[in-house]
Amino acid sequence: MLSDVLGQSEVARKFLNAWRAGRLAQAYILSGPDGIGKMLFAMALVKTLLCEKQGDDACERCASCRKMAHGNHEGLEILEPTGAGVVIKYDDVNGLIERLQYKLRAGEHRFVVLREADRVMQETANHFLKTLEEPPPNVTFFLLTARLPSLLPTIISRCQTVRMHRARPEEIERFLLARGFDAAKAKLYARLADGCPGRAVNMDEAGVFERRESVLQRLLDANRDNEAVLAGEMLEANREKTLTLTRASLNVELGLMAALLRDMTLLAEGAGGPLLYNPDAEDKLGARAERFSPRKLRELTLDVLEARTNIERNIHPDFVIGRLFTELAG
């Protein structure tokens, strides 16, 4: 249901108003980070726009809604990256262009959703661009991307860019609780997800809550005598098959560390309780926080966030993590 997509009520309202006024553009880019719900929103929106009841949400009962539910609606085309290169293929784009030449019956409208639209080779993008320049009538394109700068500028210029809204932590927490998540997990994931519900769900699949325990212990144990050992343990625990995966894994744990330090700062300032991201670890964090001033804890939090940024900038993890634990030990 369109109303169930977290954080996007305002975006949905604008699309519904444009549809009813006959002002729907021929091409949109839905831009937002991974996990924010771009595909979920696009599918729910198309389902609502094609629904025979024409309400603020899909009725789920009409013939159109049933076709959408079974994945065989003639008014929807989906292209997504496939194959070894995980790209949108030239032949798939060519096939789409050919199908769009088929004439629609009077009053019908078609929608095309390109998932991860930035994952396309130059030749394929140029081929698709011709269709955007001279689009068939009664067709609307939705290009979904988490990497807007990776799209060709000429493609961006042919589309209206819509930036997806981040959901509030409270919304994500309620969403997770409704899905049966443990309360402590729901609270932590909702605040680490940066407004992206999909990220919160993936955290549980990745065992983030369990990984928090090792991050917490390293944070509690850090001192001048063992900083190198703890840095080595963190690096080894997150070493994956490729450097890209290693960086991603480390960034998860650095996010956890920043959240723990944030809670320690609150406790050092005399706050806590419902404000904490990790209320179940309040006693341990409070005991450690007594060793630092609130100002120093804020500085350490910034050090952790800087470490995440440096890893994303491709500075070698060994250097970044080693330097970080030197700061933490101090």
C-alpha atoms as a PDB file:
ATOM      1  CA  MET A   1       0.000   0.000   0.000  1.00  0.00           C
ATOM      2  CA  LEU A   2       1.234   3.495  -0.849  1.00  0.00           C
ATOM      3  CA  SER A   3       0.294   4.758   2.604  1.00  0.00           C
ATOM      4  CA  ASP A   4       2.543   2.093   4.170  1.00  0.00           C
ATOM      5  CA  VAL A   5       5.758   3.387   2.542  1.00  0.00           C
ATOM      6  CA  LEU A   6       7.495   5.211   5.386  1.00  0.00           C
ATOM      7  CA  GLY A   7       8.369   8.875   5.033  1.00  0.00           C
ATOM      8  CA  GLN A   8       6.914   9.393   1.547  1.00  0.00           C
ATOM      9  CA  SER A   9       3.397  10.743   2.197  1.00  0.00           C
ATOM     10  CA  GLU A  10       4.234  14.213   0.855  1.00  0.00           C
ATOM     11  CA  VAL A  11       5.921  12.812  -2.248  1.00  0.00           C
ATOM     12  CA  ALA A  12       2.929  10.532  -2.852  1.00  0.00           C
ATOM     13  CA  ARG A  13       0.484  13.416  -2.502  1.00  0.00           C
ATOM     14  CA  LYS A  14       2.291  15.448  -5.175  1.00  0.00           C
ATOM     15  CA  PHE A  15       2.251  12.526  -7.613  1.00  0.00           C
ATOM     16  CA  LEU A  16      -1.445  11.844  -7.005  1.00  0.00           C
ATOM     17  CA  ASN A  17      -2.308  15.515  -7.537  1.00  0.00           C
ATOM     18  CA  ALA A  18      -0.308  15.646 -10.766  1.00  0.00           C
ATOM     19  CA  TRP A  19      -1.997  12.467 -12.030  1.00  0.00           C
ATOM     20  CA  ARG A  20      -5.500  13.771 -11.329  1.00  0.00           C
ATOM     21  CA  ALA A  21      -4.730  17.098 -12.951  1.00  0.00           C
ATOM     22  CA  GLY A  22      -3.299  15.421 -16.052  1.00  0.00           C
ATOM     23  CA  ARG A  23       0.116  16.946 -15.359  1.00  0.00           C
ATOM     24  CA  LEU A  24       2.166  13.808 -14.794  1.00  0.00           C
ATOM     25  CA  ALA A  25       5.581  14.270 -16.423  1.00  0.00           C
ATOM     26  CA  GLN A  26       6.980  11.786 -18.915  1.00  0.00           C
ATOM     27  CA  ALA A  27      10.039  10.909 -16.839  1.00  0.00           C
ATOM     28  CA  TYR A  28      11.065  11.118 -13.189  1.00  0.00           C
ATOM     29  CA  ILE A  29      14.207  10.234 -11.293  1.00  0.00           C
ATOM     30  CA  LEU A  30      13.507   8.892  -7.803  1.00  0.00           C
ATOM     31  CA  SER A  31      16.732   9.635  -5.952  1.00  0.00           C
ATOM     32  CA  GLY A  32      17.666   8.448  -2.478  1.00  0.00           C
ATOM     33  CA  PRO A  33      20.096   6.205  -0.585  1.00  0.00           C
ATOM     34  CA  ASP A  34      19.891   2.430  -0.653  1.00  0.00           C
ATOM     35  CA  GLY A  35      17.218   1.167   1.697  1.00  0.00           C
ATOM     36  CA  ILE A  36      15.036   4.278   1.642  1.00  0.00           C
ATOM     37  CA  GLY A  37      12.294   2.448  -0.251  1.00  0.00           C
ATOM     38  CA  LYS A  38      12.526   3.694  -3.849  1.00  0.00           C
ATOM     39  CA  MET A  39      11.347   0.457  -5.471  1.00  0.00           C
ATOM     40  CA  LEU A  40       8.666  -0.130  -2.860  1.00  0.00           C
ATOM     41  CA  PHE A  41       7.373   3.397  -3.404  1.00  0.00           C
ATOM     42  CA  ALA A  42       7.458   3.179  -7.199  1.00  0.00           C
ATOM     43  CA  MET A  43       5.528  -0.090  -7.255  1.00  0.00           C
ATOM     44  CA  ALA A  44       2.951   1.136  -4.736  1.00  0.00           C
ATOM     45  CA  LEU A  45       2.529   4.393  -6.646  1.00  0.00           C
ATOM     46  CA  VAL A  46       2.017   2.689 -10.011  1.00  0.00           C
ATOM     47  CA  LYS A  47      -0.448   0.275  -8.432  1.00  0.00           C
ATOM     48  CA  THR A  48      -2.418   3.202  -6.997  1.00  0.00           C
ATOM     49  CA  LEU A  49      -2.396   5.186 -10.245  1.00  0.00           C
ATOM     50  CA  LEU A  50      -3.619   2.186 -12.230  1.00  0.00           C
ATOM     51  CA  CYS A  51      -6.230   1.165  -9.655  1.00  0.00           C
ATOM     52  CA  GLU A  52      -9.770   1.310 -11.046  1.00  0.00           C
ATOM     53  CA  LYS A  53     -11.059   3.030  -7.880  1.00  0.00           C
ATOM     54  CA  GLN A  54      -8.671   6.008  -8.304  1.00  0.00           C
ATOM     55  CA  GLY A  55      -8.398   6.659  -4.567  1.00  0.00           C
ATOM     56  CA  ASP A  56      -5.477   7.777  -2.434  1.00  0.00           C
ATOM     57  CA  ASP A  57      -4.348   4.154  -2.207  1.00  0.00           C
ATOM     58  CA  ALA A  58      -4.807   0.965  -4.200  1.00  0.00           C
ATOM     59  CA  CYS A  59      -8.051  -0.851  -3.412  1.00  0.00           C
ATOM     60  CA  GLU A  60      -6.337  -4.275  -3.666  1.00  0.00           C
ATOM     61  CA  ARG A  61      -9.557  -5.791  -5.071  1.00  0.00           C
ATOM     62  CA  CYS A  62     -10.097  -4.534  -8.629  1.00  0.00           C
ATOM     63  CA  ALA A  63      -8.834  -6.364 -11.727  1.00  0.00           C
ATOM     64  CA  SER A  64      -5.899  -3.942 -12.073  1.00  0.00           C
ATOM     65  CA  CYS A  65      -4.758  -4.437  -8.471  1.00  0.00           C
ATOM     66  CA  ARG A  66      -5.002  -8.215  -8.838  1.00  0.00           C
ATOM     67  CA  LYS A  67      -2.858  -8.100 -11.986  1.00  0.00           C
ATOM     68  CA  MET A  68      -0.274  -5.990 -10.184  1.00  0.00           C
ATOM     69  CA  ALA A  69      -0.249  -8.452  -7.299  1.00  0.00           C
ATOM     70  CA  HIS A  70       0.415 -11.322  -9.720  1.00  0.00           C
ATOM     71  CA  GLY A  71       3.085  -9.384 -11.650  1.00  0.00           C
ATOM     72  CA  ASN A  72       1.357  -9.518 -15.034  1.00  0.00           C
ATOM     73  CA  HIS A  73      -0.098  -6.028 -15.514  1.00  0.00           C
ATOM     74  CA  GLU A  74       0.230  -4.861 -19.111  1.00  0.00           C
ATOM     75  CA  GLY A  75       0.581  -1.271 -17.880  1.00  0.00           C
ATOM     76  CA  LEU A  76       3.889  -1.866 -16.078  1.00  0.00           C
ATOM     77  CA  GLU A  77       7.372  -2.615 -17.402  1.00  0.00           C
ATOM     78  CA  ILE A  78      10.326  -3.211 -15.069  1.00  0.00           C
ATOM     79  CA  LEU A  79      13.992  -3.198 -16.047  1.00  0.00           C
ATOM     80  CA  GLU A  80      16.710  -4.041 -13.533  1.00  0.00           C
ATOM     81  CA  PRO A  81      20.390  -5.000 -13.561  1.00  0.00           C
ATOM     82  CA  THR A  82      21.092  -8.661 -14.317  1.00  0.00           C
ATOM     83  CA  GLY A  83      23.912 -10.970 -15.344  1.00  0.00           C
ATOM     84  CA  ALA A  84      27.532 -11.244 -14.314  1.00  0.00           C
ATOM     85  CA  GLY A  85      28.129  -7.505 -14.642  1.00  0.00           C
ATOM     86  CA  VAL A  86      24.918  -6.671 -12.784  1.00  0.00           C
ATOM     87  CA  VAL A  87      23.968  -4.042 -15.370  1.00  0.00           C
ATOM     88  CA  ILE A  88      20.871  -3.101 -17.338  1.00  0.00           C
ATOM     89  CA  LYS A  89      21.546  -4.781 -20.666  1.00  0.00           C
ATOM     90  CA  TYR A  90      21.345  -3.239 -24.122  1.00  0.00           C
ATOM     91  CA  ASP A  91      19.086  -6.024 -25.376  1.00  0.00           C
ATOM     92  CA  ASP A  92      16.672  -5.496 -22.474  1.00  0.00           C
ATOM     93  CA  VAL A  93      16.441  -1.768 -23.223  1.00  0.00           C
ATOM     94  CA  ASN A  94      15.990  -2.507 -26.921  1.00  0.00           C
ATOM     95  CA  GLY A  95      13.199  -4.972 -26.149  1.00  0.00           C
ATOM     96  CA  LEU A  96      11.500  -2.385 -23.952  1.00  0.00           C
ATOM     97  CA  ILE A  97      11.665   0.241 -26.692  1.00  0.00           C
ATOM     98  CA  GLU A  98      10.058  -2.173 -29.150  1.00  0.00           C
ATOM     99  CA  ARG A  99       7.238  -3.044 -26.738  1.00  0.00           C
ATOM    100  CA  LEU A 100       6.522   0.625 -26.111  1.00  0.00           C
ATOM    101  CA  GLN A 101       5.668   1.029 -29.781  1.00  0.00           C
ATOM    102  CA  TYR A 102       2.537  -1.057 -29.307  1.00  0.00           C
ATOM    103  CA  LYS A 103      -0.460   1.240 -29.244  1.00  0.00           C
ATOM    104  CA  LEU A 104      -2.549   1.461 -26.119  1.00  0.00           C
ATOM    105  CA  ARG A 105      -6.295   1.449 -25.965  1.00  0.00           C
ATOM    106  CA  ALA A 106      -7.952   4.819 -25.419  1.00  0.00           C
ATOM    107  CA  GLY A 107      -7.449   6.123 -21.897  1.00  0.00           C
ATOM    108  CA  GLU A 108      -4.705   3.630 -20.988  1.00  0.00           C
ATOM    109  CA  HIS A 109      -1.356   4.630 -19.497  1.00  0.00           C
ATOM    110  CA  ARG A 110       1.891   2.702 -19.149  1.00  0.00           C
ATOM    111  CA  PHE A 111       4.626   2.995 -16.564  1.00  0.00           C
ATOM    112  CA  VAL A 112       8.267   1.954 -16.868  1.00  0.00           C
ATOM    113  CA  VAL A 113      10.406   1.439 -13.748  1.00  0.00           C
ATOM    114  CA  LEU A 114      14.205   1.240 -14.115  1.00  0.00           C
ATOM    115  CA  ARG A 115      15.694  -0.108 -10.913  1.00  0.00           C
ATOM    116  CA  GLU A 116      19.281   1.060 -10.229  1.00  0.00           C
ATOM    117  CA  ALA A 117      19.127   3.144 -13.388  1.00  0.00           C
ATOM    118  CA  ASP A 118      22.761   4.202 -12.971  1.00  0.00           C
ATOM    119  CA  ARG A 119      23.940   0.619 -13.583  1.00  0.00           C
ATOM    120  CA  VAL A 120      23.980   0.955 -17.358  1.00  0.00           C
ATOM    121  CA  MET A 121      26.812   1.103 -19.882  1.00  0.00           C
ATOM    122  CA  GLN A 122      27.357   4.227 -22.003  1.00  0.00           C
ATOM    123  CA  GLU A 123      26.051   2.688 -25.237  1.00  0.00           C
ATOM    124  CA  THR A 124      22.902   1.416 -23.538  1.00  0.00           C
ATOM    125  CA  ALA A 125      22.323   4.769 -21.831  1.00  0.00           C
ATOM    126  CA  ASN A 126      22.598   6.610 -25.137  1.00  0.00           C
ATOM    127  CA  HIS A 127      20.162   4.156 -26.728  1.00  0.00           C
ATOM    128  CA  PHE A 128      17.662   4.737 -23.935  1.00  0.00           C
ATOM    129  CA  LEU A 129      18.201   8.503 -24.116  1.00  0.00           C
ATOM    130  CA  LYS A 130      16.629   8.570 -27.586  1.00  0.00           C
ATOM    131  CA  THR A 131      13.410   7.227 -26.111  1.00  0.00           C
ATOM    132  CA  LEU A 132      13.426   9.900 -23.398  1.00  0.00           C
ATOM    133  CA  GLU A 133      13.967  12.564 -26.063  1.00  0.00           C
ATOM    134  CA  GLU A 134      11.009  11.308 -28.116  1.00  0.00           C
ATOM    135  CA  PRO A 135       8.878   9.344 -25.654  1.00  0.00           C
ATOM    136  CA  PRO A 136       5.796   7.422 -26.737  1.00  0.00           C
ATOM    137  CA  PRO A 137       2.499   9.014 -25.674  1.00  0.00           C
ATOM    138  CA  ASN A 138       0.889   8.021 -22.375  1.00  0.00           C
ATOM    139  CA  VAL A 139       4.073   6.505 -20.928  1.00  0.00           C
ATOM    140  CA  THR A 140       5.757   7.623 -17.704  1.00  0.00           C
ATOM    141  CA  PHE A 141       9.289   6.545 -16.766  1.00  0.00           C
ATOM    142  CA  PHE A 142      10.584   6.182 -13.215  1.00  0.00           C
ATOM    143  CA  LEU A 143      14.373   5.947 -12.969  1.00  0.00           C
ATOM    144  CA  LEU A 144      15.496   4.817  -9.513  1.00  0.00           C
ATOM    145  CA  THR A 145      18.995   5.558  -8.268  1.00  0.00           C
ATOM    146  CA  ALA A 146      21.083   5.927  -5.126  1.00  0.00           C
ATOM    147  CA  ARG A 147      23.898   7.433  -7.209  1.00  0.00           C
ATOM    148  CA  LEU A 148      22.408  10.369  -9.073  1.00  0.00           C
ATOM    149  CA  PRO A 149      25.769  11.777 -10.324  1.00  0.00           C
ATOM    150  CA  SER A 150      26.395   8.447 -12.117  1.00  0.00           C
ATOM    151  CA  LEU A 151      23.529   9.071 -14.545  1.00  0.00           C
ATOM    152  CA  LEU A 152      24.303  10.802 -17.825  1.00  0.00           C
ATOM    153  CA  PRO A 153      23.697  14.559 -17.519  1.00  0.00           C
ATOM    154  CA  THR A 154      21.625  14.352 -20.695  1.00  0.00           C
ATOM    155  CA  ILE A 155      19.348  11.764 -19.063  1.00  0.00           C
ATOM    156  CA  ILE A 156      19.024  13.858 -15.893  1.00  0.00           C
ATOM    157  CA  SER A 157      18.055  16.876 -18.006  1.00  0.00           C
ATOM    158  CA  ARG A 158      15.165  14.938 -19.568  1.00  0.00           C
ATOM    159  CA  CYS A 159      13.677  13.975 -16.190  1.00  0.00           C
ATOM    160  CA  GLN A 160      12.204  15.627 -13.136  1.00  0.00           C
ATOM    161  CA  THR A 161      14.298  14.665 -10.119  1.00  0.00           C
ATOM    162  CA  VAL A 162      12.353  13.737  -6.980  1.00  0.00           C
ATOM    163  CA  ARG A 163      14.350  13.233  -3.797  1.00  0.00           C
ATOM    164  CA  MET A 164      12.891  10.624  -1.479  1.00  0.00           C
ATOM    165  CA  HIS A 165      12.312  11.673   2.131  1.00  0.00           C
ATOM    166  CA  ARG A 166      14.004   9.941   5.045  1.00  0.00           C
ATOM    167  CA  ALA A 167      11.662   8.355   7.580  1.00  0.00           C
ATOM    168  CA  ARG A 168      11.778   9.476  11.206  1.00  0.00           C
ATOM    169  CA  PRO A 169      13.441   7.062  13.664  1.00  0.00           C
ATOM    170  CA  GLU A 170      10.145   6.737  15.536  1.00  0.00           C
ATOM    171  CA  GLU A 171       8.390   5.633  12.335  1.00  0.00           C
ATOM    172  CA  ILE A 172      11.049   3.028  11.621  1.00  0.00           C
ATOM    173  CA  GLU A 173      10.951   1.781  15.211  1.00  0.00           C
ATOM    174  CA  ARG A 174       7.167   1.269  15.039  1.00  0.00           C
ATOM    175  CA  PHE A 175       7.585  -0.441  11.683  1.00  0.00           C
ATOM    176  CA  LEU A 176      10.141  -2.867  13.121  1.00  0.00           C
ATOM    177  CA  LEU A 177       8.078  -3.574  16.219  1.00  0.00           C
ATOM    178  CA  ALA A 178       5.085  -4.386  14.004  1.00  0.00           C
ATOM    179  CA  ARG A 179       7.275  -6.894  12.184  1.00  0.00           C
ATOM    180  CA  GLY A 180       8.063  -8.661  15.457  1.00  0.00           C
ATOM    181  CA  PHE A 181      11.488  -7.173  16.197  1.00  0.00           C
ATOM    182  CA  ASP A 182      12.743  -7.195  19.779  1.00  0.00           C
ATOM    183  CA  ALA A 183      12.251  -3.755  21.348  1.00  0.00           C
ATOM    184  CA  ALA A 184      15.974  -3.165  21.988  1.00  0.00           C
ATOM    185  CA  LYS A 185      16.862  -4.105  18.417  1.00  0.00           C
ATOM    186  CA  ALA A 186      14.066  -1.969  16.965  1.00  0.00           C
ATOM    187  CA  LYS A 187      15.250   1.085  18.897  1.00  0.00           C
ATOM    188  CA  LEU A 188      18.891   0.674  17.911  1.00  0.00           C
ATOM    189  CA  TYR A 189      18.312  -0.177  14.241  1.00  0.00           C
ATOM    190  CA  ALA A 190      15.821   2.658  13.779  1.00  0.00           C
ATOM    191  CA  ARG A 191      18.403   5.171  14.930  1.00  0.00           C
ATOM    192  CA  LEU A 192      21.285   3.721  12.960  1.00  0.00           C
ATOM    193  CA  ALA A 193      19.318   3.440   9.719  1.00  0.00           C
ATOM    194  CA  ASP A 194      19.670   7.126   8.798  1.00  0.00           C
ATOM    195  CA  GLY A 195      16.023   7.321   7.755  1.00  0.00           C
ATOM    196  CA  CYS A 196      16.156   4.219   5.549  1.00  0.00           C
ATOM    197  CA  PRO A 197      13.787   1.414   6.673  1.00  0.00           C
ATOM    198  CA  GLY A 198      15.411  -1.137   4.377  1.00  0.00           C
ATOM    199  CA  ARG A 199      18.743  -0.612   6.091  1.00  0.00           C
ATOM    200  CA  ALA A 200      17.125  -1.265   9.465  1.00  0.00           C
ATOM    201  CA  VAL A 201      15.733  -4.611   8.291  1.00  0.00           C
ATOM    202  CA  ASN A 202      19.080  -5.576   6.765  1.00  0.00           C
ATOM    203  CA  MET A 203      20.842  -4.859  10.047  1.00  0.00           C
ATOM    204  CA  ASP A 204      19.080  -7.755  11.704  1.00  0.00           C
ATOM    205  CA  GLU A 205      19.928 -10.057   8.813  1.00  0.00           C
ATOM    206  CA  ALA A 206      23.567  -8.997   9.178  1.00  0.00           C
ATOM    207  CA  GLY A 207      23.560  -9.643  12.943  1.00  0.00           C
ATOM    208  CA  VAL A 208      24.322  -6.022  13.779  1.00  0.00           C
ATOM    209  CA  PHE A 209      22.859  -6.205  17.294  1.00  0.00           C
ATOM    210  CA  GLU A 210      25.115  -9.146  18.133  1.00  0.00           C
ATOM    211  CA  ARG A 211      28.111  -7.377  16.596  1.00  0.00           C
ATOM    212  CA  ARG A 212      27.429  -4.406  18.839  1.00  0.00           C
ATOM    213  CA  GLU A 213      28.600  -6.464  21.821  1.00  0.00           C
ATOM    214  CA  SER A 214      32.109  -6.840  20.429  1.00  0.00           C
ATOM    215  CA  VAL A 215      32.215  -3.152  19.483  1.00  0.00           C
ATOM    216  CA  LEU A 216      31.060  -2.194  22.982  1.00  0.00           C
ATOM    217  CA  GLN A 217      33.695  -4.396  24.607  1.00  0.00           C
ATOM    218  CA  ARG A 218      36.498  -2.904  22.522  1.00  0.00           C
ATOM    219  CA  LEU A 219      35.295   0.562  23.409  1.00  0.00           C
ATOM    220  CA  LEU A 220      35.236  -0.291  27.110  1.00  0.00           C
ATOM    221  CA  ASP A 221      38.640  -1.985  27.044  1.00  0.00           C
ATOM    222  CA  ALA A 222      40.585   0.575  24.999  1.00  0.00           C
ATOM    223  CA  ASN A 223      43.733   1.851  26.740  1.00  0.00           C
ATOM    224  CA  ARG A 224      47.351   2.656  25.921  1.00  0.00           C
ATOM    225  CA  ASP A 225      48.495  -0.906  26.600  1.00  0.00           C
ATOM    226  CA  ASN A 226      46.189  -2.669  24.144  1.00  0.00           C
ATOM    227  CA  GLU A 227      45.230  -0.131  21.465  1.00  0.00           C
ATOM    228  CA  ALA A 228      47.181  -1.946  18.739  1.00  0.00           C
ATOM    229  CA  VAL A 229      45.728  -5.325  19.733  1.00  0.00           C
ATOM    230  CA  LEU A 230      42.147  -4.027  19.705  1.00  0.00           C
ATOM    231  CA  ALA A 231      42.658  -2.301  16.354  1.00  0.00           C
ATOM    232  CA  GLY A 232      43.998  -5.555  14.919  1.00  0.00           C
ATOM    233  CA  GLU A 233      41.040  -7.507  16.308  1.00  0.00           C
ATOM    234  CA  MET A 234      38.550  -5.099  14.723  1.00  0.00           C
ATOM    235  CA  LEU A 235      40.314  -5.242  11.383  1.00  0.00           C
ATOM    236  CA  GLU A 236      40.495  -9.028  11.416  1.00  0.00           C
ATOM    237  CA  ALA A 237      36.863  -9.450  12.484  1.00  0.00           C
ATOM    238  CA  ASN A 238      35.731  -7.370   9.496  1.00  0.00           C
ATOM    239  CA  ARG A 239      38.148  -8.638   6.877  1.00  0.00           C
ATOM    240  CA  GLU A 240      36.087  -9.821   3.890  1.00  0.00           C
ATOM    241  CA  LYS A 241      36.892 -11.312   0.488  1.00  0.00           C
ATOM    242  CA  THR A 242      37.365  -7.904  -1.132  1.00  0.00           C
ATOM    243  CA  LEU A 243      38.530  -4.525   0.164  1.00  0.00           C
ATOM    244  CA  THR A 244      35.162  -3.042  -0.818  1.00  0.00           C
ATOM    245  CA  LEU A 245      33.310  -5.520   1.395  1.00  0.00           C
ATOM    246  CA  THR A 246      35.828  -4.991   4.194  1.00  0.00           C
ATOM    247  CA  ARG A 247      35.197  -1.239   4.106  1.00  0.00           C
ATOM    248  CA  ALA A 248      31.424  -1.797   4.199  1.00  0.00           C
ATOM    249  CA  SER A 249      31.700  -4.136   7.188  1.00  0.00           C
ATOM    250  CA  LEU A 250      33.955  -1.730   9.081  1.00  0.00           C
ATOM    251  CA  ASN A 251      31.564   1.139   8.436  1.00  0.00           C
ATOM    252  CA  VAL A 252      28.760  -0.822  10.079  1.00  0.00           C
ATOM    253  CA  GLU A 253      30.814  -1.263  13.236  1.00  0.00           C
ATOM    254  CA  LEU A 254      31.989   2.339  13.185  1.00  0.00           C
ATOM    255  CA  GLY A 255      28.338   3.386  13.046  1.00  0.00           C
ATOM    256  CA  LEU A 256      27.688   1.253  16.117  1.00  0.00           C
ATOM    257  CA  MET A 257      30.682   2.784  17.866  1.00  0.00           C
ATOM    258  CA  ALA A 258      29.467   6.317  17.123  1.00  0.00           C
ATOM    259  CA  ALA A 259      26.046   5.455  18.559  1.00  0.00           C
ATOM    260  CA  LEU A 260      27.635   4.076  21.736  1.00  0.00           C
ATOM    261  CA  LEU A 261      29.795   7.170  22.172  1.00  0.00           C
ATOM    262  CA  ARG A 262      26.761   9.364  21.608  1.00  0.00           C
ATOM    263  CA  ASP A 263      25.024   7.557  24.475  1.00  0.00           C
ATOM    264  CA  MET A 264      28.109   7.930  26.673  1.00  0.00           C
ATOM    265  CA  THR A 265      28.050  11.671  25.992  1.00  0.00           C
ATOM    266  CA  LEU A 266      24.438  11.923  27.102  1.00  0.00           C
ATOM    267  CA  LEU A 267      25.178   9.965  30.260  1.00  0.00           C
ATOM    268  CA  ALA A 268      28.190  12.169  31.036  1.00  0.00           C
ATOM    269  CA  GLU A 269      25.880  15.187  30.732  1.00  0.00           C
ATOM    270  CA  GLY A 270      23.384  13.657  33.150  1.00  0.00           C
ATOM    271  CA  ALA A 271      20.847  12.590  30.530  1.00  0.00           C
ATOM    272  CA  GLY A 272      19.826   9.084  29.517  1.00  0.00           C
ATOM    273  CA  GLY A 273      16.760   6.896  29.758  1.00  0.00           C
ATOM    274  CA  PRO A 274      14.533   7.196  26.671  1.00  0.00           C
ATOM    275  CA  LEU A 275      17.129   9.358  24.892  1.00  0.00           C
ATOM    276  CA  LEU A 276      19.624   6.493  24.643  1.00  0.00           C
ATOM    277  CA  TYR A 277      20.064   4.404  21.527  1.00  0.00           C
ATOM    278  CA  ASN A 278      21.402   1.544  23.660  1.00  0.00           C
ATOM    279  CA  PRO A 279      19.344   1.621  26.866  1.00  0.00           C
ATOM    280  CA  ASP A 280      20.148  -2.012  27.660  1.00  0.00           C
ATOM    281  CA  ALA A 281      23.851  -1.078  27.934  1.00  0.00           C
ATOM    282  CA  GLU A 282      23.308   2.017  30.090  1.00  0.00           C
ATOM    283  CA  ASP A 283      25.211   0.739  33.153  1.00  0.00           C
ATOM    284  CA  LYS A 284      28.338  -0.244  31.218  1.00  0.00           C
ATOM    285  CA  LEU A 285      28.325   2.946  29.159  1.00  0.00           C
ATOM    286  CA  GLY A 286      27.756   5.100  32.238  1.00  0.00           C
ATOM    287  CA  ALA A 287      30.710   3.567  34.070  1.00  0.00           C
ATOM    288  CA  ARG A 288      33.005   4.185  31.100  1.00  0.00           C
ATOM    289  CA  ALA A 289      31.634   7.712  30.550  1.00  0.00           C
ATOM    290  CA  GLU A 290      32.780   8.719  34.039  1.00  0.00           C
ATOM    291  CA  ARG A 291      36.375   8.650  32.789  1.00  0.00           C
ATOM    292  CA  PHE A 292      35.777  11.399  30.217  1.00  0.00           C
ATOM    293  CA  SER A 293      34.336  14.886  30.011  1.00  0.00           C
ATOM    294  CA  PRO A 294      31.331  15.426  27.728  1.00  0.00           C
ATOM    295  CA  ARG A 295      33.556  17.544  25.492  1.00  0.00           C
ATOM    296  CA  LYS A 296      36.092  14.734  25.106  1.00  0.00           C
ATOM    297  CA  LEU A 297      33.334  12.228  24.306  1.00  0.00           C
ATOM    298  CA  ARG A 298      31.971  14.528  21.605  1.00  0.00           C
ATOM    299  CA  GLU A 299      35.482  14.751  20.161  1.00  0.00           C
ATOM    300  CA  LEU A 300      35.787  10.952  20.150  1.00  0.00           C
ATOM    301  CA  THR A 301      32.421  10.643  18.407  1.00  0.00           C
ATOM    302  CA  LEU A 302      33.669  13.006  15.705  1.00  0.00           C
ATOM    303  CA  ASP A 303      36.849  10.914  15.439  1.00  0.00           C
ATOM    304  CA  VAL A 304      34.740   7.813  14.739  1.00  0.00           C
ATOM    305  CA  LEU A 305      32.627   9.629  12.147  1.00  0.00           C
ATOM    306  CA  GLU A 306      35.800  10.936  10.516  1.00  0.00           C
ATOM    307  CA  ALA A 307      37.123   7.371  10.394  1.00  0.00           C
ATOM    308  CA  ARG A 308      33.971   6.281   8.510  1.00  0.00           C
ATOM    309  CA  THR A 309      34.435   9.131   6.045  1.00  0.00           C
ATOM    310  CA  ASN A 310      38.106   8.285   5.513  1.00  0.00           C
ATOM    311  CA  ILE A 311      37.303   4.648   4.798  1.00  0.00           C
ATOM    312  CA  GLU A 312      34.671   5.743   2.280  1.00  0.00           C
ATOM    313  CA  ARG A 313      37.364   7.947   0.689  1.00  0.00           C
ATOM    314  CA  ASN A 314      39.461   4.817   0.166  1.00  0.00           C
ATOM    315  CA  ILE A 315      42.100   5.547   2.800  1.00  0.00           C
ATOM    316  CA  HIS A 316      43.424   2.144   3.833  1.00  0.00           C
ATOM    317  CA  PRO A 317      41.479   0.634   6.764  1.00  0.00           C
ATOM    318  CA  ASP A 318      44.640  -0.458   8.611  1.00  0.00           C
ATOM    319  CA  PHE A 319      45.771   3.157   8.912  1.00  0.00           C
ATOM    320  CA  VAL A 320      42.296   4.518   9.753  1.00  0.00           C
ATOM    321  CA  ILE A 321      41.464   1.981  12.474  1.00  0.00           C
ATOM    322  CA  GLY A 322      44.949   2.090  13.996  1.00  0.00           C
ATOM    323  CA  ARG A 323      44.773   5.867  14.307  1.00  0.00           C
ATOM    324  CA  LEU A 324      41.242   5.707  15.718  1.00  0.00           C
ATOM    325  CA  PHE A 325      42.178   3.376  18.559  1.00  0.00           C
ATOM    326  CA  THR A 326      45.063   5.637  19.461  1.00  0.00           C
ATOM    327  CA  GLU A 327      42.483   8.367  20.029  1.00  0.00           C
ATOM    328  CA  LEU A 328      40.102   6.071  21.891  1.00  0.00           C
ATOM    329  CA  ALA A 329      42.856   4.854  24.200  1.00  0.00           C
ATOM    330  CA  GLY A 330      43.726   8.402  25.187  1.00  0.00           C
END
